[in-house]
Amino acid sequence: QVHLVESGGGSVEAGGSLRLSCVVSGYPVDSFTRNCMAWFRQAPGKEREMVAGIDSWHRTKYGDSVKGRFTISRENAKTTLYLEMSRMRSNDTAAYYCAATPPRPSYATCTSPADYTGAYEHWGQGTQVTVSS
């Protein structure tokens, strides 16, 4: 069974930085290297939106509001996903979720991270990020 566990959330002042981590277990390492991963966030009363995604080739995609401020990365050997957040703003306040696409066979790789929730099968429980102005 696949589990995703986020950590690193907390409170920070506007302009500050945080680093989120997501450790994936129960996912074969060789299959993990072929999948796409993403960070989504959801603020109260709003829909869940993609913050950043990364494919099997480590190519990345970002939401418009975080471009130039956030960086997504992955460490396949540790089946771990990261999100470096800098120059944070009050509207970055939300619950942040890690997501993974389904395991893929050896002949298939995920080559573009999708920006909609339906593309991701596995989710973490979320970690709260609060930015005070």
C-alpha atoms as a PDB file:
ATOM      1  CA  GLN A   1       0.000   0.000   0.000  1.00  0.00           C
ATOM      2  CA  VAL A   2       1.330   3.411  -0.972  1.00  0.00           C
ATOM      3  CA  HIS A   3       1.659   6.091   1.689  1.00  0.00           C
ATOM      4  CA  LEU A   4       2.717   9.710   1.293  1.00  0.00           C
ATOM      5  CA  VAL A   5       3.733  11.650   4.378  1.00  0.00           C
ATOM      6  CA  GLU A   6       4.371  15.379   4.222  1.00  0.00           C
ATOM      7  CA  SER A   7       6.424  17.356   6.713  1.00  0.00           C
ATOM      8  CA  GLY A   8       7.963  20.798   7.061  1.00  0.00           C
ATOM      9  CA  GLY A   9       4.850  22.915   7.302  1.00  0.00           C
ATOM     10  CA  GLY A  10       4.476  25.651   9.889  1.00  0.00           C
ATOM     11  CA  SER A  11       4.193  29.372  10.381  1.00  0.00           C
ATOM     12  CA  VAL A  12       6.419  31.925   8.719  1.00  0.00           C
ATOM     13  CA  GLU A  13       6.411  35.665   8.219  1.00  0.00           C
ATOM     14  CA  ALA A  14       5.863  37.163   4.798  1.00  0.00           C
ATOM     15  CA  GLY A  15       9.097  37.155   2.841  1.00  0.00           C
ATOM     16  CA  GLY A  16      10.348  34.073   4.650  1.00  0.00           C
ATOM     17  CA  SER A  17      11.070  30.536   3.486  1.00  0.00           C
ATOM     18  CA  LEU A  18       9.992  26.977   4.221  1.00  0.00           C
ATOM     19  CA  ARG A  19      10.923  23.583   2.861  1.00  0.00           C
ATOM     20  CA  LEU A  20       8.351  20.821   2.566  1.00  0.00           C
ATOM     21  CA  SER A  21       9.218  17.149   2.227  1.00  0.00           C
ATOM     22  CA  CYS A  22       7.095  14.193   1.166  1.00  0.00           C
ATOM     23  CA  VAL A  23       8.315  10.679   1.804  1.00  0.00           C
ATOM     24  CA  VAL A  24       6.674   7.974  -0.286  1.00  0.00           C
ATOM     25  CA  SER A  25       6.539   4.394   0.969  1.00  0.00           C
ATOM     26  CA  GLY A  26       5.108   1.233  -0.538  1.00  0.00           C
ATOM     27  CA  TYR A  27       6.027   2.434  -4.022  1.00  0.00           C
ATOM     28  CA  PRO A  28       8.718   0.376  -5.824  1.00  0.00           C
ATOM     29  CA  VAL A  29      11.771   2.555  -6.406  1.00  0.00           C
ATOM     30  CA  ASP A  30      12.117   1.587 -10.062  1.00  0.00           C
ATOM     31  CA  SER A  31       8.466   2.475 -10.645  1.00  0.00           C
ATOM     32  CA  PHE A  32       8.778   5.669  -8.608  1.00  0.00           C
ATOM     33  CA  THR A  33      11.394   6.950 -11.047  1.00  0.00           C
ATOM     34  CA  ARG A  34       8.857   6.687 -13.874  1.00  0.00           C
ATOM     35  CA  ASN A  35       6.009   8.563 -12.232  1.00  0.00           C
ATOM     36  CA  CYS A  36       4.996  12.186 -11.868  1.00  0.00           C
ATOM     37  CA  MET A  37       4.752  13.901  -8.528  1.00  0.00           C
ATOM     38  CA  ALA A  38       3.174  17.176  -7.547  1.00  0.00           C
ATOM     39  CA  TRP A  39       2.378  19.559  -4.740  1.00  0.00           C
ATOM     40  CA  PHE A  40      -1.145  20.913  -4.479  1.00  0.00           C
ATOM     41  CA  ARG A  41      -2.572  23.343  -1.963  1.00  0.00           C
ATOM     42  CA  GLN A  42      -6.009  24.194  -0.710  1.00  0.00           C
ATOM     43  CA  ALA A  43      -6.997  27.307   1.183  1.00  0.00           C
ATOM     44  CA  PRO A  44     -10.281  27.490   3.134  1.00  0.00           C
ATOM     45  CA  GLY A  45     -13.223  27.950   0.801  1.00  0.00           C
ATOM     46  CA  LYS A  46     -11.109  27.441  -2.316  1.00  0.00           C
ATOM     47  CA  GLU A  47     -10.505  24.585  -4.710  1.00  0.00           C
ATOM     48  CA  ARG A  48      -7.344  22.498  -4.536  1.00  0.00           C
ATOM     49  CA  GLU A  49      -4.802  23.878  -6.996  1.00  0.00           C
ATOM     50  CA  MET A  50      -1.501  22.600  -8.313  1.00  0.00           C
ATOM     51  CA  VAL A  51       1.491  24.456  -6.967  1.00  0.00           C
ATOM     52  CA  ALA A  52       4.228  22.530  -8.785  1.00  0.00           C
ATOM     53  CA  GLY A  53       4.767  19.240 -10.585  1.00  0.00           C
ATOM     54  CA  ILE A  54       7.751  17.195 -11.684  1.00  0.00           C
ATOM     55  CA  ASP A  55       7.974  14.374 -14.193  1.00  0.00           C
ATOM     56  CA  SER A  56      10.213  11.332 -14.521  1.00  0.00           C
ATOM     57  CA  TRP A  57      12.859  13.411 -16.309  1.00  0.00           C
ATOM     58  CA  HIS A  58      12.796  16.009 -13.518  1.00  0.00           C
ATOM     59  CA  ARG A  59      11.133  18.529 -15.780  1.00  0.00           C
ATOM     60  CA  THR A  60       8.981  20.887 -13.776  1.00  0.00           C
ATOM     61  CA  LYS A  61       5.776  22.862 -14.042  1.00  0.00           C
ATOM     62  CA  TYR A  62       4.607  25.642 -11.721  1.00  0.00           C
ATOM     63  CA  GLY A  63       1.449  27.499 -10.981  1.00  0.00           C
ATOM     64  CA  ASP A  64       1.591  31.116 -12.115  1.00  0.00           C
ATOM     65  CA  SER A  65       1.403  32.503  -8.588  1.00  0.00           C
ATOM     66  CA  VAL A  66       4.546  30.669  -7.409  1.00  0.00           C
ATOM     67  CA  LYS A  67       6.827  30.874 -10.439  1.00  0.00           C
ATOM     68  CA  GLY A  68      10.227  32.225  -9.489  1.00  0.00           C
ATOM     69  CA  ARG A  69       9.553  31.726  -5.763  1.00  0.00           C
ATOM     70  CA  PHE A  70       9.017  27.967  -5.315  1.00  0.00           C
ATOM     71  CA  THR A  71      11.184  25.075  -6.471  1.00  0.00           C
ATOM     72  CA  ILE A  72      10.095  21.445  -6.698  1.00  0.00           C
ATOM     73  CA  SER A  73      12.603  18.605  -6.717  1.00  0.00           C
ATOM     74  CA  ARG A  74      12.719  14.877  -6.183  1.00  0.00           C
ATOM     75  CA  GLU A  75      15.255  12.411  -4.844  1.00  0.00           C
ATOM     76  CA  ASN A  76      14.358   9.078  -6.403  1.00  0.00           C
ATOM     77  CA  ALA A  77      16.758   6.976  -4.342  1.00  0.00           C
ATOM     78  CA  LYS A  78      14.902   8.149  -1.243  1.00  0.00           C
ATOM     79  CA  THR A  79      11.453   8.197  -2.908  1.00  0.00           C
ATOM     80  CA  THR A  80      11.122  11.740  -1.595  1.00  0.00           C
ATOM     81  CA  LEU A  81       9.653  14.919  -3.024  1.00  0.00           C
ATOM     82  CA  TYR A  82      10.560  18.434  -1.911  1.00  0.00           C
ATOM     83  CA  LEU A  83       9.166  21.935  -2.226  1.00  0.00           C
ATOM     84  CA  GLU A  84      11.404  24.885  -1.461  1.00  0.00           C
ATOM     85  CA  MET A  85       9.290  27.977  -0.839  1.00  0.00           C
ATOM     86  CA  SER A  86      10.815  31.453  -0.660  1.00  0.00           C
ATOM     87  CA  ARG A  87       9.593  35.049  -0.667  1.00  0.00           C
ATOM     88  CA  MET A  88       6.403  33.748   0.786  1.00  0.00           C
ATOM     89  CA  ARG A  89       3.207  35.760   0.810  1.00  0.00           C
ATOM     90  CA  SER A  90       0.101  35.720   2.949  1.00  0.00           C
ATOM     91  CA  ASN A  91      -1.884  34.195   0.091  1.00  0.00           C
ATOM     92  CA  ASP A  92       0.433  31.170   0.154  1.00  0.00           C
ATOM     93  CA  THR A  93      -1.377  30.179   3.346  1.00  0.00           C
ATOM     94  CA  ALA A  94      -3.019  26.805   2.765  1.00  0.00           C
ATOM     95  CA  ALA A  95      -2.852  23.112   3.446  1.00  0.00           C
ATOM     96  CA  TYR A  96      -0.213  21.612   1.142  1.00  0.00           C
ATOM     97  CA  TYR A  97      -0.628  18.112  -0.256  1.00  0.00           C
ATOM     98  CA  CYS A  98       1.834  15.794  -1.929  1.00  0.00           C
ATOM     99  CA  ALA A  99       0.485  13.667  -4.794  1.00  0.00           C
ATOM    100  CA  ALA A 100       1.751  10.811  -6.960  1.00  0.00           C
ATOM    101  CA  THR A 101       0.551   9.285 -10.198  1.00  0.00           C
ATOM    102  CA  PRO A 102      -0.129   5.545 -10.300  1.00  0.00           C
ATOM    103  CA  PRO A 103       2.822   3.155 -10.679  1.00  0.00           C
ATOM    104  CA  ARG A 104       3.795   2.661 -14.300  1.00  0.00           C
ATOM    105  CA  PRO A 105       5.102  -0.393 -16.118  1.00  0.00           C
ATOM    106  CA  SER A 106       8.727  -0.517 -17.188  1.00  0.00           C
ATOM    107  CA  TYR A 107       7.928   0.590 -20.750  1.00  0.00           C
ATOM    108  CA  ALA A 108       6.051   3.751 -19.736  1.00  0.00           C
ATOM    109  CA  THR A 109       7.092   6.986 -18.064  1.00  0.00           C
ATOM    110  CA  CYS A 110       5.226  10.076 -17.006  1.00  0.00           C
ATOM    111  CA  THR A 111       6.614  12.851 -19.183  1.00  0.00           C
ATOM    112  CA  SER A 112       4.516  15.819 -18.146  1.00  0.00           C
ATOM    113  CA  PRO A 113       3.069  16.562 -14.715  1.00  0.00           C
ATOM    114  CA  ALA A 114      -0.661  17.205 -14.925  1.00  0.00           C
ATOM    115  CA  ASP A 115      -2.167  20.189 -13.161  1.00  0.00           C
ATOM    116  CA  TYR A 116      -5.468  18.590 -12.178  1.00  0.00           C
ATOM    117  CA  THR A 117      -6.167  16.401  -9.155  1.00  0.00           C
ATOM    118  CA  GLY A 118      -7.702  13.528 -11.143  1.00  0.00           C
ATOM    119  CA  ALA A 119      -4.332  12.611 -12.627  1.00  0.00           C
ATOM    120  CA  TYR A 120      -2.956  11.653  -9.223  1.00  0.00           C
ATOM    121  CA  GLU A 121      -3.916   8.473  -7.454  1.00  0.00           C
ATOM    122  CA  HIS A 122      -2.036   8.771  -4.184  1.00  0.00           C
ATOM    123  CA  TRP A 123      -2.223  11.664  -1.731  1.00  0.00           C
ATOM    124  CA  GLY A 124      -0.679  12.647   1.549  1.00  0.00           C
ATOM    125  CA  GLN A 125      -2.637  13.869   4.538  1.00  0.00           C
ATOM    126  CA  GLY A 126      -1.488  17.449   4.062  1.00  0.00           C
ATOM    127  CA  THR A 127       0.656  19.877   6.025  1.00  0.00           C
ATOM    128  CA  GLN A 128      -0.458  23.360   7.033  1.00  0.00           C
ATOM    129  CA  VAL A 129       1.503  26.405   5.938  1.00  0.00           C
ATOM    130  CA  THR A 130       0.602  29.777   7.419  1.00  0.00           C
ATOM    131  CA  VAL A 131       2.200  33.021   6.272  1.00  0.00           C
ATOM    132  CA  SER A 132       1.648  36.087   8.406  1.00  0.00           C
ATOM    133  CA  SER A 133       1.957  39.601   7.033  1.00  0.00           C
END
